[in-house]
């Protein structure tokens, strides 16, 4: 019996402390809203039908007010009742939701569910063929977000201890795909917040593409073939044109063949004939 008495006493004290804290909070919020309107306590009393003495006690956190009386004060102040219990931004959202139709509430529930299912950490994967600007944009986006930047191909070279040219010359594409998948798996398992510039063909590998879509925010830096071509040439690399007269036509075909996969990205940012800064701003805003 003694133990039960102690437990009940402790719970009563906790409840009393919580109520006092809540009353103090409500009183402070009533006072701030009254003062914001340059009203005296008497003015609020006249508008709400609550006595001056009770309002004085309420604002000092001593008045254990009923819901009915508090509702009258809320109406007088032109505030939703919930605003005395929640922080202002949340209270505004709640009051707006209360007036929505059922169909609109269903849309909100689905939106919240989508956010809950999204990756909780920041793992951003930039997509696009050569000349998309993944490295340039990626470094700046990572800097703006305050996280690390990783070149996936550099990670692949480190894991294989071979250059990309050597990987394809010695082992072929299947080996590259396997190391690519391993590199992505390690980055995801590592748990760091990062921006990753992927290889242009990552979307062509079903397993790697599935991995990215499940565990990252995928961003396609979209541009037309001419834009990609001009950027590569602008970097001083004339090999595609010098070594293969059909290079531009092949680039067009490549973009066309991968467009449907790139379009599956969560975020698509058109980069054609735009400044790097404007593209960076759009990526940050979309994220």
Protein backbone atom coordinates (compact mmCIF):
# COMPACT_ATOMS: atom_id res chain seq x y z
CA UNK A 1 0.00 0.00 0.00
CA UNK A 2 2.83 2.37 0.86
CA UNK A 3 4.45 1.76 -2.54
CA UNK A 4 1.18 2.39 -4.35
CA UNK A 5 0.68 5.61 -2.38
CA UNK A 6 4.18 6.81 -3.32
CA UNK A 7 3.58 6.00 -6.98
CA UNK A 8 0.24 7.80 -7.04
CA UNK A 9 1.74 10.79 -5.25
CA UNK A 10 4.59 10.98 -7.72
CA UNK A 11 2.21 10.78 -10.70
CA UNK A 12 0.03 13.49 -9.16
CA UNK A 13 3.05 15.76 -8.75
CA UNK A 14 4.09 15.15 -12.36
CA UNK A 15 0.56 15.90 -13.59
CA UNK A 16 0.40 19.07 -11.52
CA UNK A 17 3.76 20.26 -12.86
CA UNK A 18 2.67 19.59 -16.45
CA UNK A 19 -0.59 21.48 -15.93
CA UNK A 20 1.22 24.44 -14.40
CA UNK A 21 3.62 24.51 -17.34
CA UNK A 22 0.72 24.38 -19.82
CA UNK A 23 -1.19 27.14 -18.03
CA UNK A 24 1.92 29.32 -17.98
CA UNK A 25 2.35 28.74 -21.73
CA UNK A 26 -1.30 29.53 -22.50
CA UNK A 27 -1.18 32.66 -20.33
CA UNK A 28 1.95 33.92 -22.06
CA UNK A 29 0.42 33.38 -25.51
CA UNK A 30 -2.80 35.18 -24.54
CA UNK A 31 -0.76 38.11 -23.19
CA UNK A 32 1.41 38.35 -26.36
CA UNK A 33 -1.63 38.33 -28.63
CA UNK A 34 -3.43 40.94 -26.52
CA UNK A 35 -0.40 43.22 -26.42
CA UNK A 36 0.15 42.81 -30.18
CA UNK A 37 -3.26 44.45 -30.62
CA UNK A 38 -2.52 47.19 -28.04
CA UNK A 39 -5.46 46.03 -25.98
CA UNK A 40 -5.72 46.42 -22.24
CA UNK A 41 -6.85 43.52 -20.12
CA UNK A 42 -10.14 45.38 -19.64
CA UNK A 43 -10.63 45.61 -23.43
CA UNK A 44 -10.09 41.88 -23.85
CA UNK A 45 -12.41 41.15 -20.92
CA UNK A 46 -15.20 43.17 -22.55
CA UNK A 47 -14.74 41.45 -25.90
CA UNK A 48 -14.49 37.91 -24.53
CA UNK A 49 -16.95 37.99 -21.64
CA UNK A 50 -14.24 36.88 -19.18
CA UNK A 51 -13.66 38.90 -16.02
CA UNK A 52 -10.65 41.19 -15.64
CA UNK A 53 -9.55 39.36 -12.47
CA UNK A 54 -9.66 36.01 -14.25
CA UNK A 55 -7.66 37.34 -17.23
CA UNK A 56 -5.00 38.70 -14.87
CA UNK A 57 -4.66 35.27 -13.26
CA UNK A 58 -4.69 33.57 -16.68
CA UNK A 59 -1.88 35.69 -18.07
CA UNK A 60 0.19 34.98 -14.96
CA UNK A 61 -0.31 31.23 -15.45
CA UNK A 62 -2.59 30.86 -12.42
CA UNK A 63 -5.99 30.62 -14.08
CA UNK A 64 -7.19 27.04 -14.71
CA UNK A 65 -9.42 28.15 -17.57
CA UNK A 66 -12.18 26.03 -19.10
CA UNK A 67 -12.23 25.28 -22.80
CA UNK A 68 -15.38 27.38 -23.20
CA UNK A 69 -13.81 30.46 -21.65
CA UNK A 70 -10.58 30.00 -23.63
CA UNK A 71 -12.61 29.66 -26.81
CA UNK A 72 -14.27 33.00 -26.06
CA UNK A 73 -10.87 34.63 -25.63
CA UNK A 74 -9.65 33.05 -28.88
CA UNK A 75 -12.70 34.39 -30.76
CA UNK A 76 -12.18 37.85 -29.32
CA UNK A 77 -8.53 37.83 -30.43
CA UNK A 78 -9.43 36.39 -33.82
CA UNK A 79 -7.17 33.39 -33.23
CA UNK A 80 -7.90 29.67 -33.62
CA UNK A 81 -8.27 27.93 -30.27
CA UNK A 82 -5.44 25.53 -31.14
CA UNK A 83 -3.00 28.45 -31.39
CA UNK A 84 -2.80 28.62 -27.57
CA UNK A 85 -1.56 25.02 -27.40
CA UNK A 86 0.78 24.83 -30.41
CA UNK A 87 3.59 26.94 -31.84
CA UNK A 88 2.29 29.55 -34.27
CA UNK A 89 3.40 27.92 -37.57
CA UNK A 90 1.94 24.54 -36.58
CA UNK A 91 -1.23 26.15 -35.29
CA UNK A 92 -1.77 27.94 -38.60
CA UNK A 93 -1.36 24.66 -40.49
CA UNK A 94 -3.81 22.86 -38.19
CA UNK A 95 -6.41 25.61 -38.49
CA UNK A 96 -6.12 25.52 -42.29
CA UNK A 97 -6.45 21.73 -42.38
CA UNK A 98 -9.62 21.86 -40.28
CA UNK A 99 -11.45 23.64 -43.11
CA UNK A 100 -10.50 21.19 -45.87
CA UNK A 101 -12.75 18.71 -47.64
CA UNK A 102 -12.31 14.95 -47.24
CA UNK A 103 -10.69 14.58 -50.67
CA UNK A 104 -8.17 17.29 -49.82
CA UNK A 105 -7.33 15.57 -46.53
CA UNK A 106 -6.66 12.33 -48.41
CA UNK A 107 -4.20 14.19 -50.67
CA UNK A 108 -2.40 15.60 -47.61
CA UNK A 109 -2.20 12.14 -46.02
CA UNK A 110 -0.66 10.71 -49.20
CA UNK A 111 1.84 13.55 -49.37
CA UNK A 112 2.91 12.98 -45.77
CA UNK A 113 3.21 9.25 -46.43
CA UNK A 114 5.45 9.97 -49.41
CA UNK A 115 7.73 12.13 -47.27
CA UNK A 116 7.86 9.45 -44.59
CA UNK A 117 8.94 6.91 -47.21
CA UNK A 118 11.66 9.14 -48.68
CA UNK A 119 15.31 8.64 -47.73
CA UNK A 120 15.89 10.29 -44.35
CA UNK A 121 19.48 11.23 -45.11
CA UNK A 122 20.88 13.30 -47.94
CA UNK A 123 22.28 10.96 -50.58
CA UNK A 124 22.01 12.83 -53.87
CA UNK A 125 22.84 11.07 -57.15
CA UNK A 126 23.42 13.28 -60.21
CA UNK A 127 22.66 11.67 -63.57
CA UNK A 128 23.43 12.46 -67.20
CA UNK A 129 25.81 11.66 -70.03
CA UNK A 130 29.20 13.26 -70.42
CA UNK A 131 28.91 17.03 -70.52
CA UNK A 132 25.86 17.13 -68.24
CA UNK A 133 27.81 19.10 -65.64
CA UNK A 134 27.60 16.48 -62.89
CA UNK A 135 31.03 17.24 -61.48
CA UNK A 136 30.78 21.03 -61.61
CA UNK A 137 27.22 21.18 -60.32
CA UNK A 138 27.81 18.35 -57.86
CA UNK A 139 30.74 20.04 -56.13
CA UNK A 140 28.80 23.28 -55.65
CA UNK A 141 25.61 21.52 -54.51
CA UNK A 142 27.62 19.49 -51.97
CA UNK A 143 29.29 22.66 -50.71
CA UNK A 144 25.94 24.43 -50.35
CA UNK A 145 24.49 21.46 -48.47
CA UNK A 146 27.60 21.13 -46.31
CA UNK A 147 28.23 17.50 -47.28
CA UNK A 148 30.87 15.53 -49.22
CA UNK A 149 31.14 15.16 -52.98
CA UNK A 150 32.10 11.84 -54.60
CA UNK A 151 32.91 10.93 -58.20
CA UNK A 152 31.60 7.39 -58.67
CA UNK A 153 34.08 6.57 -61.45
CA UNK A 154 36.96 7.65 -59.21
CA UNK A 155 35.60 5.32 -56.55
CA UNK A 156 35.45 2.50 -59.10
CA UNK A 157 39.06 3.11 -60.13
CA UNK A 158 40.14 3.03 -56.48
CA UNK A 159 38.34 -0.26 -55.82
CA UNK A 160 39.71 -1.97 -58.92
CA UNK A 161 43.14 -0.28 -58.80
CA UNK A 162 42.75 0.29 -62.53
CA UNK A 163 41.84 3.25 -64.70
CA UNK A 164 38.49 3.15 -66.48
CA UNK A 165 40.26 2.56 -69.80
CA UNK A 166 42.16 -0.38 -68.30
CA UNK A 167 39.00 -1.83 -66.77
CA UNK A 168 37.25 -1.97 -70.13
CA UNK A 169 40.37 -3.06 -72.04
CA UNK A 170 41.30 -5.88 -69.66
CA UNK A 171 38.04 -7.05 -68.10
CA UNK A 172 35.24 -5.57 -70.19
CA UNK A 173 31.91 -4.01 -69.31
CA UNK A 174 30.54 -6.82 -67.04
CA UNK A 175 33.45 -6.30 -64.63
CA UNK A 176 32.88 -2.53 -64.66
CA UNK A 177 29.19 -3.08 -63.83
CA UNK A 178 30.06 -5.34 -60.92
CA UNK A 179 32.53 -2.84 -59.43
CA UNK A 180 30.05 -0.01 -60.04
CA UNK A 181 27.40 -1.88 -58.04
CA UNK A 182 29.89 -2.63 -55.25
CA UNK A 183 30.97 1.02 -55.09
CA UNK A 184 27.37 2.22 -54.83
CA UNK A 185 26.54 -0.41 -52.22
CA UNK A 186 29.49 0.68 -50.08
CA UNK A 187 28.55 4.35 -50.33
CA UNK A 188 24.98 3.60 -49.29
CA UNK A 189 26.03 1.30 -46.45
CA UNK A 190 28.51 3.92 -45.23
CA UNK A 191 25.58 6.13 -44.23
CA UNK A 192 27.22 9.46 -45.07
CA UNK A 193 25.38 12.45 -46.48
CA UNK A 194 26.92 12.87 -49.94
CA UNK A 195 26.42 14.13 -53.48
CA UNK A 196 27.52 11.55 -56.06
CA UNK A 197 28.33 12.21 -59.70
CA UNK A 198 27.42 8.90 -61.33
CA UNK A 199 28.68 7.45 -64.59
CA UNK A 200 26.55 8.30 -67.60
CA UNK A 201 25.57 4.68 -68.15
CA UNK A 202 24.49 3.87 -64.59
CA UNK A 203 20.83 3.94 -65.66
CA UNK A 204 21.54 1.15 -68.16
CA UNK A 205 22.47 -1.25 -65.36
CA UNK A 206 19.24 -2.48 -63.79
CA UNK A 207 20.70 -3.41 -60.39
CA UNK A 208 22.65 -0.18 -59.90
CA UNK A 209 19.75 1.95 -61.11
CA UNK A 210 17.33 0.18 -58.74
CA UNK A 211 19.78 0.72 -55.89
CA UNK A 212 20.00 4.45 -56.59
CA UNK A 213 16.25 4.90 -56.91
CA UNK A 214 15.64 3.14 -53.61
CA UNK A 215 18.34 4.85 -51.55
CA UNK A 216 19.03 8.29 -53.04
CA UNK A 217 17.51 11.49 -54.38
CA UNK A 218 18.11 11.05 -58.11
CA UNK A 219 18.63 14.21 -60.16
CA UNK A 220 18.87 14.20 -63.97
CA UNK A 221 20.82 17.16 -65.34
CA UNK A 222 19.04 17.26 -68.66
CA UNK A 223 20.40 18.92 -71.82
CA UNK A 224 20.10 18.44 -75.56
CA UNK A 225 22.77 16.70 -77.64
CA UNK A 226 24.23 19.94 -79.00
CA UNK A 227 24.64 21.33 -75.48
CA UNK A 228 26.49 18.20 -74.34
CA UNK A 229 28.68 18.31 -77.43
CA UNK A 230 29.57 21.98 -77.00
CA UNK A 231 30.49 21.46 -73.36
CA UNK A 232 32.85 18.59 -74.14
CA UNK A 233 34.54 20.66 -76.85
CA UNK A 234 34.61 23.65 -74.51
CA UNK A 235 36.65 21.55 -72.10
CA UNK A 236 39.29 21.19 -74.83
CA UNK A 237 38.50 17.58 -75.67
CA UNK A 238 38.30 17.29 -79.48
CA UNK A 239 38.92 13.55 -79.58
CA UNK A 240 35.28 12.55 -80.19
CA UNK A 241 35.11 14.65 -83.36
CA UNK A 242 38.64 13.89 -84.58
CA UNK A 243 38.52 10.13 -84.06
CA UNK A 244 34.92 9.42 -85.11
CA UNK A 245 33.00 11.42 -87.73
CA UNK A 246 29.78 9.80 -86.50
CA UNK A 247 30.35 10.83 -82.88
CA UNK A 248 27.63 13.48 -82.74
CA UNK A 249 25.01 11.21 -84.32
CA UNK A 250 25.98 8.51 -81.83
CA UNK A 251 25.59 10.97 -78.97
CA UNK A 252 22.10 11.83 -80.16
CA UNK A 253 21.21 8.14 -80.37
CA UNK A 254 22.66 7.51 -76.91
CA UNK A 255 20.63 10.29 -75.35
CA UNK A 256 17.50 9.05 -77.04
CA UNK A 257 18.04 5.47 -75.88
CA UNK A 258 18.56 6.50 -72.25
CA UNK A 259 16.02 9.30 -72.05
CA UNK A 260 13.22 7.11 -70.67
CA UNK A 261 15.48 5.84 -67.87
CA UNK A 262 16.82 9.29 -67.02
CA UNK A 263 13.23 10.55 -66.92
CA UNK A 264 12.54 8.13 -64.06
CA UNK A 265 14.70 10.32 -61.83
CA UNK A 266 12.92 11.97 -58.92
CA UNK A 267 14.12 15.42 -60.01
CA UNK A 268 14.75 16.68 -63.55
CA UNK A 269 16.58 19.98 -64.09
CA UNK A 270 16.93 21.37 -67.62
CA UNK A 271 20.46 22.78 -67.97
CA UNK A 272 20.48 23.78 -71.65
CA UNK A 273 21.84 27.26 -72.30
CA UNK A 274 21.75 28.22 -68.64
CA UNK A 275 24.37 29.45 -66.22
CA UNK A 276 25.91 27.00 -63.79
CA UNK A 277 24.71 29.08 -60.84
CA UNK A 278 21.08 29.00 -61.98
CA UNK A 279 21.25 25.21 -62.36
CA UNK A 280 22.78 24.85 -58.88
CA UNK A 281 20.01 27.03 -57.43
CA UNK A 282 17.33 24.89 -59.10
CA UNK A 283 18.86 21.64 -57.83
CA UNK A 284 19.06 22.99 -54.27
CA UNK A 285 15.47 24.26 -54.45
CA UNK A 286 14.20 20.92 -55.77
CA UNK A 287 16.03 19.01 -53.06
